[in-house]
Each structure stands twice: as C-alpha cells, then as structure tokens.
Amino acid sequence: FLAADMLIEPDVDKPEDPMKTGSAASLVRWEEMGRRGREYVATAPT
C-alpha cells in the first residue's frame, strides 16, 4: 500500500494555480500528498 500511495499517476497533473494544495507555492509537497490526496485535489469540480 505504501508503494501504491507513492505512485505518481501520469494522468493526474500537479496544480499550477498557486492557491491549490500541492502547487509550487503550497506548503504541502505534491509528491508527499499520497495517491489519494493528489487524486482528490486534481479532480475537484471546476
């Protein structure tokens, strides 16, 4: 499960908006958010 959590999915893009968690301006690193966290932030309704 740790290996799955660390997997960076190619179809889940890192946010470019600085007001999004996981972006370059975020206090939370994209790589450390976990697979479920990245999926949750990246798939938010627009």
All heavy atoms as atom14 arrays in JSON, in Angstrom:
{
  "sequence": "FLAADMLIEPDVDKPEDPMKTGSAASLVRWEEMGRRGREYVATAPT",
  "atom14_mask": [
    [1, 1, 1, 1, 1, 1, 1, 1, 1, 1, 1, 0, 0, 0],
    [1, 1, 1, 1, 1, 1, 1, 1, 0, 0, 0, 0, 0, 0],
    [1, 1, 1, 1, 1, 0, 0, 0, 0, 0, 0, 0, 0, 0],
    [1, 1, 1, 1, 1, 0, 0, 0, 0, 0, 0, 0, 0, 0],
    [1, 1, 1, 1, 1, 1, 1, 1, 0, 0, 0, 0, 0, 0],
    [1, 1, 1, 1, 1, 1, 1, 1, 0, 0, 0, 0, 0, 0],
    [1, 1, 1, 1, 1, 1, 1, 1, 0, 0, 0, 0, 0, 0],
    [1, 1, 1, 1, 1, 1, 1, 1, 0, 0, 0, 0, 0, 0],
    [1, 1, 1, 1, 1, 1, 1, 1, 1, 0, 0, 0, 0, 0],
    [1, 1, 1, 1, 1, 1, 1, 0, 0, 0, 0, 0, 0, 0],
    [1, 1, 1, 1, 1, 1, 1, 1, 0, 0, 0, 0, 0, 0],
    [1, 1, 1, 1, 1, 1, 1, 0, 0, 0, 0, 0, 0, 0],
    [1, 1, 1, 1, 1, 1, 1, 1, 0, 0, 0, 0, 0, 0],
    [1, 1, 1, 1, 1, 1, 1, 1, 1, 0, 0, 0, 0, 0],
    [1, 1, 1, 1, 1, 1, 1, 0, 0, 0, 0, 0, 0, 0],
    [1, 1, 1, 1, 1, 1, 1, 1, 1, 0, 0, 0, 0, 0],
    [1, 1, 1, 1, 1, 1, 1, 1, 0, 0, 0, 0, 0, 0],
    [1, 1, 1, 1, 1, 1, 1, 0, 0, 0, 0, 0, 0, 0],
    [1, 1, 1, 1, 1, 1, 1, 1, 0, 0, 0, 0, 0, 0],
    [1, 1, 1, 1, 1, 1, 1, 1, 1, 0, 0, 0, 0, 0],
    [1, 1, 1, 1, 1, 1, 1, 0, 0, 0, 0, 0, 0, 0],
    [1, 1, 1, 1, 0, 0, 0, 0, 0, 0, 0, 0, 0, 0],
    [1, 1, 1, 1, 1, 1, 0, 0, 0, 0, 0, 0, 0, 0],
    [1, 1, 1, 1, 1, 0, 0, 0, 0, 0, 0, 0, 0, 0],
    [1, 1, 1, 1, 1, 0, 0, 0, 0, 0, 0, 0, 0, 0],
    [1, 1, 1, 1, 1, 1, 0, 0, 0, 0, 0, 0, 0, 0],
    [1, 1, 1, 1, 1, 1, 1, 1, 0, 0, 0, 0, 0, 0],
    [1, 1, 1, 1, 1, 1, 1, 0, 0, 0, 0, 0, 0, 0],
    [1, 1, 1, 1, 1, 1, 1, 1, 1, 1, 1, 0, 0, 0],
    [1, 1, 1, 1, 1, 1, 1, 1, 1, 1, 1, 1, 1, 1],
    [1, 1, 1, 1, 1, 1, 1, 1, 1, 0, 0, 0, 0, 0],
    [1, 1, 1, 1, 1, 1, 1, 1, 1, 0, 0, 0, 0, 0],
    [1, 1, 1, 1, 1, 1, 1, 1, 0, 0, 0, 0, 0, 0],
    [1, 1, 1, 1, 0, 0, 0, 0, 0, 0, 0, 0, 0, 0],
    [1, 1, 1, 1, 1, 1, 1, 1, 1, 1, 1, 0, 0, 0],
    [1, 1, 1, 1, 1, 1, 1, 1, 1, 1, 1, 0, 0, 0],
    [1, 1, 1, 1, 0, 0, 0, 0, 0, 0, 0, 0, 0, 0],
    [1, 1, 1, 1, 1, 1, 1, 1, 1, 1, 1, 0, 0, 0],
    [1, 1, 1, 1, 1, 1, 1, 1, 1, 0, 0, 0, 0, 0],
    [1, 1, 1, 1, 1, 1, 1, 1, 1, 1, 1, 1, 0, 0],
    [1, 1, 1, 1, 1, 1, 1, 0, 0, 0, 0, 0, 0, 0],
    [1, 1, 1, 1, 1, 0, 0, 0, 0, 0, 0, 0, 0, 0],
    [1, 1, 1, 1, 1, 1, 1, 0, 0, 0, 0, 0, 0, 0],
    [1, 1, 1, 1, 1, 0, 0, 0, 0, 0, 0, 0, 0, 0],
    [1, 1, 1, 1, 1, 1, 1, 0, 0, 0, 0, 0, 0, 0],
    [1, 1, 1, 1, 1, 1, 1, 0, 0, 0, 0, 0, 0, 0]
  ],
  "atom14_positions": [
    [[0.82, -1.21, 0.0], [0.0, 0.0, 0.0], [0.86, 1.26, 0.0], [0.47, 2.28, -0.58], [-0.95, 0.0, 1.21], [-2.15, -0.87, 1.02], [-2.23, -2.12, 1.61], [-3.23, -0.43, 0.25], [-3.34, -2.93, 1.43], [-4.34, -1.23, 0.08], [-4.4, -2.47, 0.66], [0.0, 0.0, 0.0], [0.0, 0.0, 0.0], [0.0, 0.0, 0.0]],
    [[2.02, 1.21, 0.64], [2.93, 2.35, 0.61], [3.42, 2.61, -0.81], [3.48, 3.75, -1.27], [4.11, 2.12, 1.54], [5.22, 3.18, 1.52], [4.66, 4.55, 1.89], [6.36, 2.79, 2.45], [0.0, 0.0, 0.0], [0.0, 0.0, 0.0], [0.0, 0.0, 0.0], [0.0, 0.0, 0.0], [0.0, 0.0, 0.0], [0.0, 0.0, 0.0]],
    [[3.78, 1.53, -1.52], [4.22, 1.68, -2.9], [3.11, 2.28, -3.77], [3.36, 3.15, -4.61], [4.65, 0.33, -3.46], [0.0, 0.0, 0.0], [0.0, 0.0, 0.0], [0.0, 0.0, 0.0], [0.0, 0.0, 0.0], [0.0, 0.0, 0.0], [0.0, 0.0, 0.0], [0.0, 0.0, 0.0], [0.0, 0.0, 0.0], [0.0, 0.0, 0.0]],
    [[1.87, 1.83, -3.55], [0.74, 2.38, -4.3], [0.52, 3.84, -3.95], [0.18, 4.67, -4.81], [-0.51, 1.56, -4.02], [0.0, 0.0, 0.0], [0.0, 0.0, 0.0], [0.0, 0.0, 0.0], [0.0, 0.0, 0.0], [0.0, 0.0, 0.0], [0.0, 0.0, 0.0], [0.0, 0.0, 0.0], [0.0, 0.0, 0.0], [0.0, 0.0, 0.0]],
    [[0.71, 4.18, -2.67], [0.5, 5.55, -2.23], [1.53, 6.5, -2.84], [1.24, 7.67, -3.11], [0.57, 5.6, -0.7], [0.14, 6.95, -0.14], [-1.05, 7.25, -0.22], [1.02, 7.69, 0.35], [0.0, 0.0, 0.0], [0.0, 0.0, 0.0], [0.0, 0.0, 0.0], [0.0, 0.0, 0.0], [0.0, 0.0, 0.0], [0.0, 0.0, 0.0]],
    [[2.75, 6.0, -3.06], [3.82, 6.83, -3.6], [3.76, 6.97, -5.12], [4.43, 7.82, -5.7], [5.17, 6.24, -3.2], [5.43, 6.26, -1.7], [6.97, 5.41, -1.24], [8.18, 6.49, -2.0], [0.0, 0.0, 0.0], [0.0, 0.0, 0.0], [0.0, 0.0, 0.0], [0.0, 0.0, 0.0], [0.0, 0.0, 0.0], [0.0, 0.0, 0.0]],
    [[2.94, 6.15, -5.75], [2.86, 6.16, -7.21], [2.33, 7.49, -7.72], [1.28, 7.97, -7.29], [1.94, 5.03, -7.69], [1.68, 4.96, -9.19], [2.96, 4.6, -9.94], [0.58, 3.93, -9.48], [0.0, 0.0, 0.0], [0.0, 0.0, 0.0], [0.0, 0.0, 0.0], [0.0, 0.0, 0.0], [0.0, 0.0, 0.0], [0.0, 0.0, 0.0]],
    [[3.05, 8.11, -8.62], [2.62, 9.35, -9.26], [1.94, 9.0, -10.57], [2.6, 8.57, -11.53], [3.8, 10.3, -9.51], [4.57, 10.58, -8.22], [3.31, 11.59, -10.15], [3.83, 11.39, -7.21], [0.0, 0.0, 0.0], [0.0, 0.0, 0.0], [0.0, 0.0, 0.0], [0.0, 0.0, 0.0], [0.0, 0.0, 0.0], [0.0, 0.0, 0.0]],
    [[0.62, 9.17, -10.63], [-0.11, 8.79, -11.83], [0.16, 9.79, -12.95], [0.13, 11.01, -12.72], [-1.61, 8.74, -11.55], [-2.01, 7.76, -10.47], [-1.91, 8.36, -9.07], [-1.26, 9.42, -8.94], [-2.45, 7.78, -8.13], [0.0, 0.0, 0.0], [0.0, 0.0, 0.0], [0.0, 0.0, 0.0], [0.0, 0.0, 0.0], [0.0, 0.0, 0.0]],
    [[0.41, 9.31, -14.16], [0.71, 10.23, -15.27], [-0.47, 11.1, -15.67], [-0.29, 12.17, -16.24], [1.12, 9.28, -16.4], [0.5, 7.96, -16.06], [0.51, 7.9, -14.56], [0.0, 0.0, 0.0], [0.0, 0.0, 0.0], [0.0, 0.0, 0.0], [0.0, 0.0, 0.0], [0.0, 0.0, 0.0], [0.0, 0.0, 0.0], [0.0, 0.0, 0.0]],
    [[-1.71, 10.66, -15.37], [-2.87, 11.42, -15.79], [-3.38, 12.37, -14.7], [-4.42, 13.0, -14.85], [-4.0, 10.48, -16.21], [-4.4, 9.51, -15.1], [-3.59, 9.3, -14.18], [-5.52, 8.96, -15.16], [0.0, 0.0, 0.0], [0.0, 0.0, 0.0], [0.0, 0.0, 0.0], [0.0, 0.0, 0.0], [0.0, 0.0, 0.0], [0.0, 0.0, 0.0]],
    [[-2.64, 12.48, -13.59], [-3.0, 13.41, -12.52], [-1.94, 14.51, -12.49], [-0.81, 14.29, -12.06], [-3.09, 12.7, -11.15], [-3.42, 13.7, -10.06], [-4.14, 11.6, -11.2], [0.0, 0.0, 0.0], [0.0, 0.0, 0.0], [0.0, 0.0, 0.0], [0.0, 0.0, 0.0], [0.0, 0.0, 0.0], [0.0, 0.0, 0.0], [0.0, 0.0, 0.0]],
    [[-2.3, 15.69, -12.97], [-1.34, 16.77, -13.13], [-1.2, 17.59, -11.85], [-2.18, 17.85, -11.14], [-1.78, 17.7, -14.27], [-1.79, 16.98, -15.61], [-0.93, 16.1, -15.82], [-2.67, 17.29, -16.44], [0.0, 0.0, 0.0], [0.0, 0.0, 0.0], [0.0, 0.0, 0.0], [0.0, 0.0, 0.0], [0.0, 0.0, 0.0], [0.0, 0.0, 0.0]],
    [[0.02, 18.01, -11.6], [0.29, 18.89, -10.47], [-0.35, 20.25, -10.72], [-0.24, 20.81, -11.82], [1.81, 19.05, -10.3], [2.22, 19.93, -9.14], [3.73, 19.97, -9.01], [4.17, 20.86, -7.86], [5.64, 20.86, -7.68], [0.0, 0.0, 0.0], [0.0, 0.0, 0.0], [0.0, 0.0, 0.0], [0.0, 0.0, 0.0], [0.0, 0.0, 0.0]],
    [[-1.04, 20.82, -9.73], [-1.73, 22.1, -9.95], [-0.75, 23.23, -10.27], [0.34, 23.32, -9.67], [-2.43, 22.36, -8.62], [-2.5, 21.03, -7.94], [-1.3, 20.28, -8.39], [0.0, 0.0, 0.0], [0.0, 0.0, 0.0], [0.0, 0.0, 0.0], [0.0, 0.0, 0.0], [0.0, 0.0, 0.0], [0.0, 0.0, 0.0], [0.0, 0.0, 0.0]],
    [[-1.13, 24.07, -11.19], [-0.34, 25.26, -11.5], [-0.83, 26.48, -10.73], [-0.06, 27.42, -10.49], [-0.39, 25.54, -13.0], [0.24, 24.43, -13.85], [0.19, 24.75, -15.33], [-0.36, 25.83, -15.69], [0.69, 23.94, -16.14], [0.0, 0.0, 0.0], [0.0, 0.0, 0.0], [0.0, 0.0, 0.0], [0.0, 0.0, 0.0], [0.0, 0.0, 0.0]],
    [[-2.1, 26.45, -10.34], [-2.67, 27.56, -9.57], [-2.0, 27.6, -8.19], [-2.05, 26.63, -7.44], [-4.18, 27.33, -9.42], [-4.88, 28.49, -8.72], [-4.18, 29.34, -8.12], [-6.12, 28.52, -8.76], [0.0, 0.0, 0.0], [0.0, 0.0, 0.0], [0.0, 0.0, 0.0], [0.0, 0.0, 0.0], [0.0, 0.0, 0.0], [0.0, 0.0, 0.0]],
    [[-1.36, 28.72, -7.82], [-0.67, 28.79, -6.53], [-1.6, 28.65, -5.33], [-1.14, 28.37, -4.21], [-0.01, 30.18, -6.56], [-0.8, 30.96, -7.55], [-1.23, 29.98, -8.58], [0.0, 0.0, 0.0], [0.0, 0.0, 0.0], [0.0, 0.0, 0.0], [0.0, 0.0, 0.0], [0.0, 0.0, 0.0], [0.0, 0.0, 0.0], [0.0, 0.0, 0.0]],
    [[-2.91, 28.83, -5.54], [-3.85, 28.7, -4.45], [-4.36, 27.26, -4.29], [-5.28, 27.02, -3.5], [-5.04, 29.64, -4.67], [-4.65, 31.11, -4.69], [-3.76, 31.6, -3.17], [-5.12, 31.55, -1.99], [0.0, 0.0, 0.0], [0.0, 0.0, 0.0], [0.0, 0.0, 0.0], [0.0, 0.0, 0.0], [0.0, 0.0, 0.0], [0.0, 0.0, 0.0]],
    [[-3.78, 26.34, -5.01], [-4.15, 24.93, -4.89], [-3.11, 24.19, -4.04], [-1.9, 24.44, -4.16], [-4.23, 24.27, -6.26], [-5.27, 24.86, -7.2], [-6.67, 24.47, -6.8], [-7.68, 24.93, -7.85], [-9.07, 24.58, -7.46], [0.0, 0.0, 0.0], [0.0, 0.0, 0.0], [0.0, 0.0, 0.0], [0.0, 0.0, 0.0], [0.0, 0.0, 0.0]],
    [[-3.58, 23.3, -3.21], [-2.67, 22.47, -2.42], [-1.87, 21.56, -3.34], [-2.42, 20.94, -4.25], [-3.45, 21.62, -1.41], [-4.11, 22.48, -0.49], [-2.53, 20.69, -0.64], [0.0, 0.0, 0.0], [0.0, 0.0, 0.0], [0.0, 0.0, 0.0], [0.0, 0.0, 0.0], [0.0, 0.0, 0.0], [0.0, 0.0, 0.0], [0.0, 0.0, 0.0]],
    [[-0.57, 21.5, -3.1], [0.3, 20.68, -3.93], [1.0, 21.46, -5.02], [1.89, 20.91, -5.7], [0.0, 0.0, 0.0], [0.0, 0.0, 0.0], [0.0, 0.0, 0.0], [0.0, 0.0, 0.0], [0.0, 0.0, 0.0], [0.0, 0.0, 0.0], [0.0, 0.0, 0.0], [0.0, 0.0, 0.0], [0.0, 0.0, 0.0], [0.0, 0.0, 0.0]],
    [[0.64, 22.73, -5.21], [1.29, 23.56, -6.23], [2.68, 23.97, -5.76], [3.09, 23.68, -4.62], [0.44, 24.8, -6.51], [0.4, 25.64, -5.35], [0.0, 0.0, 0.0], [0.0, 0.0, 0.0], [0.0, 0.0, 0.0], [0.0, 0.0, 0.0], [0.0, 0.0, 0.0], [0.0, 0.0, 0.0], [0.0, 0.0, 0.0], [0.0, 0.0, 0.0]],
    [[3.41, 24.66, -6.61], [4.76, 25.11, -6.26], [4.74, 26.05, -5.06], [5.7, 26.1, -4.29], [5.4, 25.79, -7.47], [0.0, 0.0, 0.0], [0.0, 0.0, 0.0], [0.0, 0.0, 0.0], [0.0, 0.0, 0.0], [0.0, 0.0, 0.0], [0.0, 0.0, 0.0], [0.0, 0.0, 0.0], [0.0, 0.0, 0.0], [0.0, 0.0, 0.0]],
    [[3.64, 26.8, -4.89], [3.54, 27.75, -3.78], [2.98, 27.12, -2.51], [2.97, 27.74, -1.45], [2.66, 28.92, -4.2], [0.0, 0.0, 0.0], [0.0, 0.0, 0.0], [0.0, 0.0, 0.0], [0.0, 0.0, 0.0], [0.0, 0.0, 0.0], [0.0, 0.0, 0.0], [0.0, 0.0, 0.0], [0.0, 0.0, 0.0], [0.0, 0.0, 0.0]],
    [[2.52, 25.89, -2.59], [1.86, 25.23, -1.47], [2.85, 24.85, -0.38], [4.03, 24.58, -0.63], [1.11, 23.98, -1.96], [0.57, 23.27, -0.87], [0.0, 0.0, 0.0], [0.0, 0.0, 0.0], [0.0, 0.0, 0.0], [0.0, 0.0, 0.0], [0.0, 0.0, 0.0], [0.0, 0.0, 0.0], [0.0, 0.0, 0.0], [0.0, 0.0, 0.0]],
    [[2.35, 24.8, 0.86], [3.14, 24.33, 1.99], [3.23, 22.8, 2.0], [4.05, 22.23, 2.73], [2.53, 24.8, 3.3], [2.37, 26.32, 3.47], [1.67, 26.63, 4.79], [3.71, 27.01, 3.4], [0.0, 0.0, 0.0], [0.0, 0.0, 0.0], [0.0, 0.0, 0.0], [0.0, 0.0, 0.0], [0.0, 0.0, 0.0], [0.0, 0.0, 0.0]],
    [[2.4, 22.16, 1.2], [2.36, 20.69, 1.13], [2.97, 20.25, -0.19], [2.52, 20.67, -1.26], [0.91, 20.16, 1.24], [0.9, 18.64, 1.28], [0.21, 20.73, 2.47], [0.0, 0.0, 0.0], [0.0, 0.0, 0.0], [0.0, 0.0, 0.0], [0.0, 0.0, 0.0], [0.0, 0.0, 0.0], [0.0, 0.0, 0.0], [0.0, 0.0, 0.0]],
    [[3.96, 19.4, -0.12], [4.61, 18.93, -1.34], [3.71, 17.95, -2.08], [3.1, 17.05, -1.48], [5.95, 18.27, -1.0], [7.0, 19.21, -0.44], [8.32, 18.48, -0.26], [8.8, 17.94, -1.53], [9.82, 17.11, -1.65], [10.45, 16.69, -0.56], [10.2, 16.68, -2.84], [0.0, 0.0, 0.0], [0.0, 0.0, 0.0], [0.0, 0.0, 0.0]],
    [[3.63, 18.12, -3.4], [2.78, 17.27, -4.25], [3.15, 15.8, -4.11], [2.28, 14.93, -4.01], [2.94, 17.74, -5.69], [2.17, 16.98, -6.73], [2.68, 16.15, -7.68], [0.76, 17.0, -6.94], [1.69, 15.64, -8.46], [0.48, 16.14, -8.04], [-0.3, 17.65, -6.31], [-0.8, 15.94, -8.51], [-1.59, 17.44, -6.79], [-1.83, 16.59, -7.88]],
    [[4.44, 15.51, -4.07], [4.9, 14.12, -4.01], [4.56, 13.45, -2.68], [4.5, 12.22, -2.6], [6.43, 14.07, -4.22], [6.9, 14.54, -5.58], [6.93, 16.06, -5.7], [6.79, 16.73, -4.63], [7.07, 16.57, -6.81], [0.0, 0.0, 0.0], [0.0, 0.0, 0.0], [0.0, 0.0, 0.0], [0.0, 0.0, 0.0], [0.0, 0.0, 0.0]],
    [[4.33, 14.23, -1.63], [4.07, 13.67, -0.3], [2.59, 13.62, 0.05], [2.23, 13.17, 1.14], [4.83, 14.49, 0.75], [6.34, 14.41, 0.62], [7.06, 15.33, 1.58], [6.38, 16.23, 2.15], [8.28, 15.18, 1.76], [0.0, 0.0, 0.0], [0.0, 0.0, 0.0], [0.0, 0.0, 0.0], [0.0, 0.0, 0.0], [0.0, 0.0, 0.0]],
    [[1.74, 14.06, -0.86], [0.3, 14.06, -0.58], [-0.32, 12.68, -0.65], [-1.42, 12.46, -0.14], [-0.42, 15.0, -1.55], [-0.17, 16.47, -1.29], [-0.87, 17.53, -2.56], [-2.62, 17.12, -2.45], [0.0, 0.0, 0.0], [0.0, 0.0, 0.0], [0.0, 0.0, 0.0], [0.0, 0.0, 0.0], [0.0, 0.0, 0.0], [0.0, 0.0, 0.0]],
    [[0.36, 11.75, -1.28], [-0.2, 10.42, -1.44], [-1.1, 10.34, -2.66], [-1.62, 11.35, -3.15], [0.0, 0.0, 0.0], [0.0, 0.0, 0.0], [0.0, 0.0, 0.0], [0.0, 0.0, 0.0], [0.0, 0.0, 0.0], [0.0, 0.0, 0.0], [0.0, 0.0, 0.0], [0.0, 0.0, 0.0], [0.0, 0.0, 0.0], [0.0, 0.0, 0.0]],
    [[-1.28, 9.14, -3.16], [-2.07, 8.95, -4.38], [-3.49, 9.45, -4.22], [-4.04, 10.11, -5.1], [-2.08, 7.46, -4.75], [-2.83, 7.13, -6.03], [-2.5, 5.73, -6.49], [-2.96, 4.72, -5.56], [-4.11, 4.04, -5.68], [-4.9, 4.29, -6.71], [-4.45, 3.12, -4.82], [0.0, 0.0, 0.0], [0.0, 0.0, 0.0], [0.0, 0.0, 0.0]],
    [[-4.11, 9.14, -3.07], [-5.5, 9.55, -2.86], [-5.61, 11.06, -2.7], [-6.59, 11.68, -3.17], [-6.06, 8.85, -1.62], [-6.17, 7.34, -1.75], [-7.03, 6.95, -2.93], [-7.36, 5.52, -2.93], [-8.07, 4.93, -3.87], [-8.52, 5.64, -4.89], [-8.34, 3.63, -3.81], [0.0, 0.0, 0.0], [0.0, 0.0, 0.0], [0.0, 0.0, 0.0]],
    [[-4.63, 11.68, -2.04], [-4.68, 13.13, -1.88], [-4.5, 13.86, -3.19], [-5.2, 14.85, -3.47], [0.0, 0.0, 0.0], [0.0, 0.0, 0.0], [0.0, 0.0, 0.0], [0.0, 0.0, 0.0], [0.0, 0.0, 0.0], [0.0, 0.0, 0.0], [0.0, 0.0, 0.0], [0.0, 0.0, 0.0], [0.0, 0.0, 0.0], [0.0, 0.0, 0.0]],
    [[-3.55, 13.4, -4.01], [-3.34, 14.04, -5.31], [-4.59, 13.9, -6.18], [-5.01, 14.84, -6.87], [-2.12, 13.41, -6.0], [-0.8, 13.75, -5.34], [0.37, 13.26, -6.17], [0.44, 11.8, -6.2], [1.11, 11.06, -5.34], [1.78, 11.64, -4.35], [1.14, 9.74, -5.44], [0.0, 0.0, 0.0], [0.0, 0.0, 0.0], [0.0, 0.0, 0.0]],
    [[-5.17, 12.71, -6.15], [-6.39, 12.47, -6.93], [-7.52, 13.39, -6.47], [-8.26, 13.95, -7.29], [-6.78, 11.0, -6.76], [-8.05, 10.58, -7.46], [-8.4, 9.14, -7.14], [-8.82, 8.86, -6.0], [-8.24, 8.28, -8.02], [0.0, 0.0, 0.0], [0.0, 0.0, 0.0], [0.0, 0.0, 0.0], [0.0, 0.0, 0.0], [0.0, 0.0, 0.0]],
    [[-7.64, 13.57, -5.17], [-8.72, 14.38, -4.6], [-8.6, 15.84, -5.01], [-9.57, 16.48, -5.43], [-8.68, 14.26, -3.08], [-9.65, 15.15, -2.36], [-11.02, 15.02, -2.56], [-9.21, 16.11, -1.46], [-11.92, 15.83, -1.89], [-10.09, 16.93, -0.78], [-11.44, 16.78, -1.0], [-12.33, 17.59, -0.34], [0.0, 0.0, 0.0], [0.0, 0.0, 0.0]],
    [[-7.39, 16.38, -4.93], [-7.18, 17.78, -5.27], [-7.29, 18.01, -6.78], [-7.9, 18.98, -7.24], [-5.81, 18.26, -4.74], [-5.48, 19.65, -5.28], [-5.81, 18.27, -3.22], [0.0, 0.0, 0.0], [0.0, 0.0, 0.0], [0.0, 0.0, 0.0], [0.0, 0.0, 0.0], [0.0, 0.0, 0.0], [0.0, 0.0, 0.0], [0.0, 0.0, 0.0]],
    [[-6.73, 17.1, -7.56], [-6.68, 17.29, -9.02], [-8.03, 17.12, -9.69], [-8.25, 17.67, -10.78], [-5.67, 16.32, -9.63], [0.0, 0.0, 0.0], [0.0, 0.0, 0.0], [0.0, 0.0, 0.0], [0.0, 0.0, 0.0], [0.0, 0.0, 0.0], [0.0, 0.0, 0.0], [0.0, 0.0, 0.0], [0.0, 0.0, 0.0], [0.0, 0.0, 0.0]],
    [[-8.93, 16.37, -9.07], [-10.22, 16.09, -9.71], [-11.37, 16.93, -9.15], [-12.53, 16.61, -9.38], [-10.58, 14.6, -9.56], [-10.65, 14.26, -8.17], [-9.54, 13.72, -10.25], [0.0, 0.0, 0.0], [0.0, 0.0, 0.0], [0.0, 0.0, 0.0], [0.0, 0.0, 0.0], [0.0, 0.0, 0.0], [0.0, 0.0, 0.0], [0.0, 0.0, 0.0]],
    [[-11.05, 17.98, -8.42], [-12.1, 18.84, -7.88], [-12.91, 19.44, -9.03], [-12.37, 19.77, -10.09], [-11.48, 19.96, -7.04], [0.0, 0.0, 0.0], [0.0, 0.0, 0.0], [0.0, 0.0, 0.0], [0.0, 0.0, 0.0], [0.0, 0.0, 0.0], [0.0, 0.0, 0.0], [0.0, 0.0, 0.0], [0.0, 0.0, 0.0], [0.0, 0.0, 0.0]],
    [[-14.22, 19.58, -8.86], [-15.04, 20.2, -9.92], [-14.55, 21.62, -10.22], [-14.16, 22.37, -9.32], [-16.44, 20.23, -9.31], [-16.42, 19.22, -8.21], [-15.03, 19.19, -7.69], [0.0, 0.0, 0.0], [0.0, 0.0, 0.0], [0.0, 0.0, 0.0], [0.0, 0.0, 0.0], [0.0, 0.0, 0.0], [0.0, 0.0, 0.0], [0.0, 0.0, 0.0]],
    [[-14.54, 21.97, -11.47], [-14.12, 23.31, -11.86], [-15.29, 24.29, -11.76], [-16.46, 23.89, -11.67], [-13.6, 23.3, -13.3], [-14.68, 22.95, -14.19], [-12.46, 22.3, -13.46], [0.0, 0.0, 0.0], [0.0, 0.0, 0.0], [0.0, 0.0, 0.0], [0.0, 0.0, 0.0], [0.0, 0.0, 0.0], [0.0, 0.0, 0.0], [0.0, 0.0, 0.0]]
  ]
}
